[in-house]
Amino acid sequence: MEELVEEECLYATFNQDSSCFCIGTKKGFRIYNSYPVRCLQKRDIDGGISVIEVLNRCNVLALVGAGSNPKFNQNKVILWDDSQSKVINELIVRFYIKNLKLKRTKIFIIGESDIIVFTLGNYEKIDSINTCQNRNGIFGISLDPKISIIAYTSTEIGKIKIKFYDEKKGDNYKINEINAHQTEICALTMNYDGTLVASSSERGTIIKIFRTKDCGLIQELRRGTEPAEIYCLAFDLKSQYIACSSNKGTIHIFNVKKEGGQEAQNQKSVFGTVVSFLGIQNEYLNSEWSFAQYRLTYKGKSIVAFNPDNNTSVIVVTQDGNYYQGEFKAKSGGECSTSLTKNYLLMEVEKDDD
């Protein structure tokens, strides 16, 4: 039990295609293959790590210190070469870092009200962005390495800005703004090619999906009726599904509506069908409810992703040290079945076969 306390998970994230996930602990960090799950690397560096990001599956990581005994200052990003077990560069900003994201050519450093962008390679600062209060460091980014689009909270509460680093208007990058919610935005993600952005407010009852190119609303999805803290929103790589984890302990999975296609096959209230037929508009009764659900007993922080090789399989990593793999049916959805559960903090490193 003492070992588990020492190895408490401080931070967890998936890489760009969800093929691996990274864990920051009080003593260092760990990297795992997502499916099949196995521990690829374990580094004890005598200090806590609050943020860790890996670009695809390469040896270079970005690290931020945290905990009661941080290895590095919390306003500093450390570029770490794990093949040599050493620091290769560091980037210092004027704020405590809440999150960071890597692209092939850029690094995005997210604070409570600022985002700083550097190039990867020569580490030149190329952009500085002001946001509203962003306690959780939420941020959306296109995962396609050929596309550079980001989503972040505006300085106005409830609004999202989309920035296109591949498009310029004069000397400025193209920016679209979405009036998404009436209250603070607390969850944000973008699909693989940056065509869609999904968000939820501090109430956590509704998830909205917008087009990034024209800010059009695609769907309003109902997670539930009671307020909840949304921990994670995640599209699958094909943008067929979106999953949501929260402090209610249930992973909700929704079908995403296709452009110009039929309505997504999510659950709807029987009464909603009746009121729609009568021409009555009712937000609650007309809501789209989750297509599939994965119910966990744990209600603490968790992240969720879809198996990159099979998008009817979801992977959940929880802060208490557990890995879950759930399966749902593509045609009927419903309750997910658990195909695997493991405690990732107890896993030993497994070397690749030569």
Foldseek 3Di string as FASTA:
>chain_A
DVLLVQFFFQDKDAALQNQKMKTWGQFGIWIWGQVVTATADDDGPRGTWNEKYDHPPAQWIWTAFDDPGTPHHQQKIFTARNVVRGTDDMDGDDAGFQYWYDAPFWIWTFHQFKIWIFTPPVRHTDDIAGADGQPNRAKEFASANVFGKIWDHHNDAQKIKIWGPVAADVPHTDIDMANGDPGHWHHKYAANHRQKIWTDHQQCQWIWIAGRVHRHTQAIAGADDGGWHWQYWEANNVNQKIWTATLVQKIFIFGGDDVVDDDGPFDAAPVLVVCVVVVHDDPRRVHGYGQAMEGDPGRAHKYKYADNVDRQWMWIAGSSQKIWIWGADPPRHYYTDTPDMDRNSPGDHDHDDD
